[in-house]
PDB file of N, CA and C in Angstrom:
ATOM      1  N   MET A   1     -53.124 -13.762  56.196  1.00  0.00           N
ATOM      2  CA  MET A   1     -54.113 -14.308  55.411  1.00  0.00           C
ATOM      3  C   MET A   1     -55.117 -15.287  54.890  1.00  0.00           C
ATOM      4  N   PRO A   2     -56.334 -15.523  55.109  1.00  0.00           N
ATOM      5  CA  PRO A   2     -57.096 -16.724  55.361  1.00  0.00           C
ATOM      6  C   PRO A   2     -57.349 -17.721  53.313  1.00  0.00           C
ATOM      7  N   ILE A   3     -56.387 -16.549  52.599  1.00  0.00           N
ATOM      8  CA  ILE A   3     -56.631 -17.122  51.107  1.00  0.00           C
ATOM      9  C   ILE A   3     -55.413 -17.562  50.934  1.00  0.00           C
ATOM     10  N   SER A   4     -55.053 -19.237  50.460  1.00  0.00           N
ATOM     11  CA  SER A   4     -53.442 -19.595  49.902  1.00  0.00           C
ATOM     12  C   SER A   4     -53.226 -19.865  48.645  1.00  0.00           C
ATOM     13  N   PHE A   5     -52.216 -19.566  47.962  1.00  0.00           N
ATOM     14  CA  PHE A   5     -52.168 -19.393  46.819  1.00  0.00           C
ATOM     15  C   PHE A   5     -51.183 -20.396  45.867  1.00  0.00           C
ATOM     16  N   THR A   6     -50.917 -21.209  47.323  1.00  0.00           N
ATOM     17  CA  THR A   6     -50.175 -23.011  47.205  1.00  0.00           C
ATOM     18  C   THR A   6     -50.498 -23.451  46.061  1.00  0.00           C
ATOM     19  N   LYS A   7     -52.513 -23.834  45.495  1.00  0.00           N
ATOM     20  CA  LYS A   7     -52.743 -24.375  44.328  1.00  0.00           C
ATOM     21  C   LYS A   7     -51.753 -23.924  43.208  1.00  0.00           C
ATOM     22  N   LEU A   8     -52.003 -22.176  43.315  1.00  0.00           N
ATOM     23  CA  LEU A   8     -51.497 -21.978  42.211  1.00  0.00           C
ATOM     24  C   LEU A   8     -50.018 -21.966  40.856  1.00  0.00           C
ATOM     25  N   PHE A   9     -49.261 -22.065  42.807  1.00  0.00           N
ATOM     26  CA  PHE A   9     -48.038 -22.336  42.070  1.00  0.00           C
ATOM     27  C   PHE A   9     -48.131 -24.190  41.595  1.00  0.00           C
ATOM     28  N   GLU A  10     -48.623 -24.909  41.919  1.00  0.00           N
ATOM     29  CA  GLU A  10     -48.578 -26.027  41.985  1.00  0.00           C
ATOM     30  C   GLU A  10     -48.936 -26.193  40.435  1.00  0.00           C
ATOM     31  N   ARG A  11     -50.318 -25.778  40.180  1.00  0.00           N
ATOM     32  CA  ARG A  11     -50.829 -25.558  38.479  1.00  0.00           C
ATOM     33  C   ARG A  11     -49.458 -25.254  38.016  1.00  0.00           C
ATOM     34  N   MET A  12     -48.768 -23.543  38.355  1.00  0.00           N
ATOM     35  CA  MET A  12     -47.850 -23.623  37.166  1.00  0.00           C
ATOM     36  C   MET A  12     -47.207 -24.565  37.081  1.00  0.00           C
ATOM     37  N   LYS A  13     -46.442 -25.186  37.950  1.00  0.00           N
ATOM     38  CA  LYS A  13     -45.385 -26.369  37.815  1.00  0.00           C
ATOM     39  C   LYS A  13     -45.994 -27.173  37.189  1.00  0.00           C
ATOM     40  N   SER A  14     -47.348 -27.790  36.745  1.00  0.00           N
ATOM     41  CA  SER A  14     -47.983 -28.683  36.242  1.00  0.00           C
ATOM     42  C   SER A  14     -48.259 -28.584  35.245  1.00  0.00           C
ATOM     43  N   GLU A  15     -48.092 -27.696  34.512  1.00  0.00           N
ATOM     44  CA  GLU A  15     -48.630 -26.697  33.201  1.00  0.00           C
ATOM     45  C   GLU A  15     -47.081 -26.260  32.454  1.00  0.00           C
ATOM     46  N   GLY A  16     -46.383 -26.108  33.204  1.00  0.00           N
ATOM     47  CA  GLY A  16     -44.884 -25.379  33.093  1.00  0.00           C
ATOM     48  C   GLY A  16     -44.687 -24.139  33.061  1.00  0.00           C
ATOM     49  N   LEU A  17     -45.444 -23.380  33.654  1.00  0.00           N
ATOM     50  CA  LEU A  17     -45.325 -21.749  33.478  1.00  0.00           C
ATOM     51  C   LEU A  17     -45.059 -21.372  34.298  1.00  0.00           C
ATOM     52  N   THR A  18     -43.842 -20.399  33.948  1.00  0.00           N
ATOM     53  CA  THR A  18     -42.797 -20.225  34.990  1.00  0.00           C
ATOM     54  C   THR A  18     -43.133 -19.147  35.260  1.00  0.00           C
ATOM     55  N   THR A  19     -42.683 -18.487  36.359  1.00  0.00           N
ATOM     56  CA  THR A  19     -42.150 -17.245  36.963  1.00  0.00           C
ATOM     57  C   THR A  19     -41.686 -16.046  35.560  1.00  0.00           C
ATOM     58  N   TYR A  20     -40.735 -16.677  35.617  1.00  0.00           N
ATOM     59  CA  TYR A  20     -40.110 -15.786  34.146  1.00  0.00           C
ATOM     60  C   TYR A  20     -41.064 -15.676  33.027  1.00  0.00           C
ATOM     61  N   LYS A  21     -41.635 -16.549  32.533  1.00  0.00           N
ATOM     62  CA  LYS A  21     -42.302 -16.917  31.455  1.00  0.00           C
ATOM     63  C   LYS A  21     -43.886 -15.541  32.027  1.00  0.00           C
ATOM     64  N   ILE A  22     -44.432 -15.778  32.771  1.00  0.00           N
ATOM     65  CA  ILE A  22     -44.621 -14.927  33.566  1.00  0.00           C
ATOM     66  C   ILE A  22     -44.862 -13.100  33.444  1.00  0.00           C
ATOM     67  N   ARG A  23     -43.922 -12.876  33.731  1.00  0.00           N
ATOM     68  CA  ARG A  23     -43.203 -12.204  33.253  1.00  0.00           C
ATOM     69  C   ARG A  23     -42.697 -11.630  31.594  1.00  0.00           C
ATOM     70  N   GLN A  24     -42.303 -12.459  31.173  1.00  0.00           N
ATOM     71  CA  GLN A  24     -42.398 -12.253  29.764  1.00  0.00           C
ATOM     72  C   GLN A  24     -42.805 -11.802  28.861  1.00  0.00           C
ATOM     73  N   GLU A  25     -44.088 -12.345  29.120  1.00  0.00           N
ATOM     74  CA  GLU A  25     -45.344 -12.265  28.408  1.00  0.00           C
ATOM     75  C   GLU A  25     -46.590 -11.410  29.309  1.00  0.00           C
ATOM     76  N   ARG A  26     -45.876 -11.094  30.437  1.00  0.00           N
ATOM     77  CA  ARG A  26     -46.187  -9.868  30.874  1.00  0.00           C
ATOM     78  C   ARG A  26     -47.907  -9.988  31.007  1.00  0.00           C
ATOM     79  N   ILE A  27     -48.034 -10.940  31.805  1.00  0.00           N
ATOM     80  CA  ILE A  27     -49.259 -11.843  32.488  1.00  0.00           C
ATOM     81  C   ILE A  27     -49.591 -10.800  33.834  1.00  0.00           C
ATOM     82  N   VAL A  28     -48.623 -10.741  34.550  1.00  0.00           N
ATOM     83  CA  VAL A  28     -48.815 -10.310  35.593  1.00  0.00           C
ATOM     84  C   VAL A  28     -46.943  -9.667  35.935  1.00  0.00           C
ATOM     85  N   ASN A  29     -46.900  -8.405  36.595  1.00  0.00           N
ATOM     86  CA  ASN A  29     -45.605  -7.953  36.891  1.00  0.00           C
ATOM     87  C   ASN A  29     -44.721  -8.729  38.044  1.00  0.00           C
ATOM     88  N   GLU A  30     -43.581  -8.490  38.721  1.00  0.00           N
ATOM     89  CA  GLU A  30     -43.110  -9.125  39.419  1.00  0.00           C
ATOM     90  C   GLU A  30     -43.707  -8.530  40.808  1.00  0.00           C
ATOM     91  N   GLY A  31     -43.706  -7.393  41.088  1.00  0.00           N
ATOM     92  CA  GLY A  31     -44.409  -7.133  41.949  1.00  0.00           C
ATOM     93  C   GLY A  31     -46.018  -8.412  42.690  1.00  0.00           C
ATOM     94  N   THR A  32     -46.668  -8.225  41.448  1.00  0.00           N
ATOM     95  CA  THR A  32     -47.880  -9.279  41.970  1.00  0.00           C
ATOM     96  C   THR A  32     -47.393 -10.256  42.841  1.00  0.00           C
ATOM     97  N   LEU A  33     -46.153 -10.986  41.553  1.00  0.00           N
ATOM     98  CA  LEU A  33     -45.685 -12.105  41.733  1.00  0.00           C
ATOM     99  C   LEU A  33     -45.404 -12.171  43.110  1.00  0.00           C
ATOM    100  N   GLN A  34     -44.745 -11.387  43.528  1.00  0.00           N
ATOM    101  CA  GLN A  34     -44.257 -10.928  45.083  1.00  0.00           C
ATOM    102  C   GLN A  34     -45.427 -11.499  45.923  1.00  0.00           C
ATOM    103  N   ARG A  35     -46.374 -10.797  45.792  1.00  0.00           N
ATOM    104  CA  ARG A  35     -47.660 -10.689  46.511  1.00  0.00           C
ATOM    105  C   ARG A  35     -47.977 -11.857  46.881  1.00  0.00           C
ATOM    106  N   LEU A  36     -47.947 -12.438  45.409  1.00  0.00           N
ATOM    107  CA  LEU A  36     -48.704 -14.360  45.467  1.00  0.00           C
ATOM    108  C   LEU A  36     -47.386 -14.992  46.469  1.00  0.00           C
ATOM    109  N   ARG A  37     -46.542 -14.815  46.091  1.00  0.00           N
ATOM    110  CA  ARG A  37     -45.254 -15.445  47.151  1.00  0.00           C
ATOM    111  C   ARG A  37     -45.624 -15.447  48.747  1.00  0.00           C
ATOM    112  N   LEU A  38     -46.017 -14.376  48.908  1.00  0.00           N
ATOM    113  CA  LEU A  38     -46.380 -13.787  50.179  1.00  0.00           C
ATOM    114  C   LEU A  38     -47.633 -14.155  50.934  1.00  0.00           C
ATOM    115  N   GLY A  39     -48.780 -14.640  49.847  1.00  0.00           N
ATOM    116  CA  GLY A  39     -49.675 -14.407  50.286  1.00  0.00           C
ATOM    117  C   GLY A  39     -50.528 -13.323  50.497  1.00  0.00           C
ATOM    118  N   GLU A  40     -50.674 -12.506  49.866  1.00  0.00           N
ATOM    119  CA  GLU A  40     -51.258 -11.064  49.810  1.00  0.00           C
ATOM    120  C   GLU A  40     -52.439 -10.790  49.168  1.00  0.00           C
ATOM    121  N   SER A  41     -53.068 -10.039  49.545  1.00  0.00           N
ATOM    122  CA  SER A  41     -53.863 -10.479  48.600  1.00  0.00           C
ATOM    123  C   SER A  41     -53.477  -9.373  47.351  1.00  0.00           C
ATOM    124  N   VAL A  42     -54.463  -9.920  46.091  1.00  0.00           N
ATOM    125  CA  VAL A  42     -54.371  -9.620  45.068  1.00  0.00           C
ATOM    126  C   VAL A  42     -55.689  -9.192  44.515  1.00  0.00           C
ATOM    127  N   SER A  43     -55.521  -8.203  42.769  1.00  0.00           N
ATOM    128  CA  SER A  43     -56.772  -8.148  42.195  1.00  0.00           C
ATOM    129  C   SER A  43     -57.680  -9.195  41.860  1.00  0.00           C
ATOM    130  N   THR A  44     -59.317  -9.713  41.305  1.00  0.00           N
ATOM    131  CA  THR A  44     -59.784 -10.127  40.648  1.00  0.00           C
ATOM    132  C   THR A  44     -58.722 -10.399  39.011  1.00  0.00           C
ATOM    133  N   GLU A  45     -58.730  -9.269  38.705  1.00  0.00           N
ATOM    134  CA  GLU A  45     -58.432  -8.813  37.583  1.00  0.00           C
ATOM    135  C   GLU A  45     -56.963  -9.504  37.571  1.00  0.00           C
ATOM    136  N   THR A  46     -56.232 -10.127  38.079  1.00  0.00           N
ATOM    137  CA  THR A  46     -54.747 -10.718  38.382  1.00  0.00           C
ATOM    138  C   THR A  46     -55.294 -11.938  38.326  1.00  0.00           C
ATOM    139  N   ILE A  47     -56.533 -12.346  39.118  1.00  0.00           N
ATOM    140  CA  ILE A  47     -56.450 -14.418  39.411  1.00  0.00           C
ATOM    141  C   ILE A  47     -57.317 -13.994  37.954  1.00  0.00           C
ATOM    142  N   GLY A  48     -57.985 -13.725  36.584  1.00  0.00           N
ATOM    143  CA  GLY A  48     -58.310 -13.405  36.015  1.00  0.00           C
ATOM    144  C   GLY A  48     -57.277 -14.012  34.853  1.00  0.00           C
ATOM    145  N   LYS A  49     -56.418 -12.933  34.600  1.00  0.00           N
ATOM    146  CA  LYS A  49     -55.000 -13.271  33.927  1.00  0.00           C
ATOM    147  C   LYS A  49     -54.199 -14.606  34.603  1.00  0.00           C
ATOM    148  N   LEU A  50     -54.648 -14.476  35.236  1.00  0.00           N
ATOM    149  CA  LEU A  50     -53.811 -16.455  36.014  1.00  0.00           C
ATOM    150  C   LEU A  50     -54.916 -17.368  35.079  1.00  0.00           C
ATOM    151  N   CYS A  51     -55.552 -17.506  35.166  1.00  0.00           N
ATOM    152  CA  CYS A  51     -56.905 -18.424  34.683  1.00  0.00           C
ATOM    153  C   CYS A  51     -56.939 -18.457  33.269  1.00  0.00           C
ATOM    154  N   ASN A  52     -56.656 -17.100  32.840  1.00  0.00           N
ATOM    155  CA  ASN A  52     -56.828 -17.094  31.685  1.00  0.00           C
ATOM    156  C   ASN A  52     -55.360 -18.253  30.834  1.00  0.00           C
ATOM    157  N   ALA A  53     -54.002 -17.690  31.666  1.00  0.00           N
ATOM    158  CA  ALA A  53     -53.155 -18.031  31.044  1.00  0.00           C
ATOM    159  C   ALA A  53     -53.100 -20.028  31.465  1.00  0.00           C
ATOM    160  N   LEU A  54     -53.908 -20.161  32.404  1.00  0.00           N
ATOM    161  CA  LEU A  54     -53.568 -21.479  33.177  1.00  0.00           C
ATOM    162  C   LEU A  54     -54.782 -22.301  32.593  1.00  0.00           C
ATOM    163  N   ASN A  55     -56.201 -22.088  32.118  1.00  0.00           N
ATOM    164  CA  ASN A  55     -57.268 -22.481  30.855  1.00  0.00           C
ATOM    165  C   ASN A  55     -57.926 -23.404  32.296  1.00  0.00           C
ATOM    166  N   CYS A  56     -58.015 -22.210  33.455  1.00  0.00           N
ATOM    167  CA  CYS A  56     -58.932 -22.953  34.574  1.00  0.00           C
ATOM    168  C   CYS A  56     -59.644 -21.471  35.445  1.00  0.00           C
ATOM    169  N   GLN A  57     -59.985 -22.647  36.411  1.00  0.00           N
ATOM    170  CA  GLN A  57     -61.126 -21.374  37.217  1.00  0.00           C
ATOM    171  C   GLN A  57     -60.484 -20.936  38.319  1.00  0.00           C
ATOM    172  N   PRO A  58     -60.858 -20.089  38.869  1.00  0.00           N
ATOM    173  CA  PRO A  58     -60.344 -19.207  40.036  1.00  0.00           C
ATOM    174  C   PRO A  58     -60.179 -20.334  41.189  1.00  0.00           C
ATOM    175  N   GLY A  59     -60.955 -21.690  41.682  1.00  0.00           N
ATOM    176  CA  GLY A  59     -60.959 -22.326  43.069  1.00  0.00           C
ATOM    177  C   GLY A  59     -59.804 -23.590  42.126  1.00  0.00           C
ATOM    178  N   ASP A  60     -59.554 -23.230  40.892  1.00  0.00           N
ATOM    179  CA  ASP A  60     -57.891 -24.329  40.976  1.00  0.00           C
ATOM    180  C   ASP A  60     -56.742 -23.471  41.102  1.00  0.00           C
ATOM    181  N   LEU A  61     -56.913 -22.349  41.487  1.00  0.00           N
ATOM    182  CA  LEU A  61     -55.799 -21.395  41.972  1.00  0.00           C
ATOM    183  C   LEU A  61     -55.656 -21.175  43.285  1.00  0.00           C
ATOM    184  N   ILE A  62     -56.826 -21.042  44.340  1.00  0.00           N
ATOM    185  CA  ILE A  62     -57.268 -19.992  45.412  1.00  0.00           C
ATOM    186  C   ILE A  62     -57.493 -21.500  46.519  1.00  0.00           C
ATOM    187  N   GLU A  63     -57.213 -21.047  47.528  1.00  0.00           N
ATOM    188  CA  GLU A  63     -57.977 -21.955  48.337  1.00  0.00           C
ATOM    189  C   GLU A  63     -58.348 -21.264  50.018  1.00  0.00           C
ATOM    190  N   TYR A  64     -58.991 -21.473  50.530  1.00  0.00           N
ATOM    191  CA  TYR A  64     -59.897 -20.749  51.857  1.00  0.00           C
ATOM    192  C   TYR A  64     -59.250 -21.501  52.565  1.00  0.00           C
ATOM    193  N   VAL A  65     -58.352 -20.792  53.625  1.00  0.00           N
ATOM    194  CA  VAL A  65     -57.394 -21.691  55.050  1.00  0.00           C
ATOM    195  C   VAL A  65     -57.632 -20.435  55.884  1.00  0.00           C
ATOM    196  N   PRO A  66     -58.731 -21.016  57.324  1.00  0.00           N
ATOM    197  CA  PRO A  66     -59.194 -20.353  57.922  1.00  0.00           C
ATOM    198  C   PRO A  66     -57.928 -20.354  59.014  1.00  0.00           C
ATOM    199  N   ASP A  67     -57.731 -18.824  59.499  1.00  0.00           N
ATOM    200  CA  ASP A  67     -56.834 -18.902  60.719  1.00  0.00           C
ATOM    201  C   ASP A  67     -56.947 -20.083  61.695  1.00  0.00           C
TER     202      ASP A  67
END
């Protein structure tokens, strides 16, 4: 998939938001986190929830990387 979530995980690390905290606060579930780790597709609702949690815009979390 030409969408990379590397920026998301970098942002989470810099903000101190762990995957454990994401699951505990029910921002997204483990299955969705796994799809993000694998670079698979997720819904815009998921991106919106993460933007809300990290106080940022979608472009701060995802990047288009051509094949």
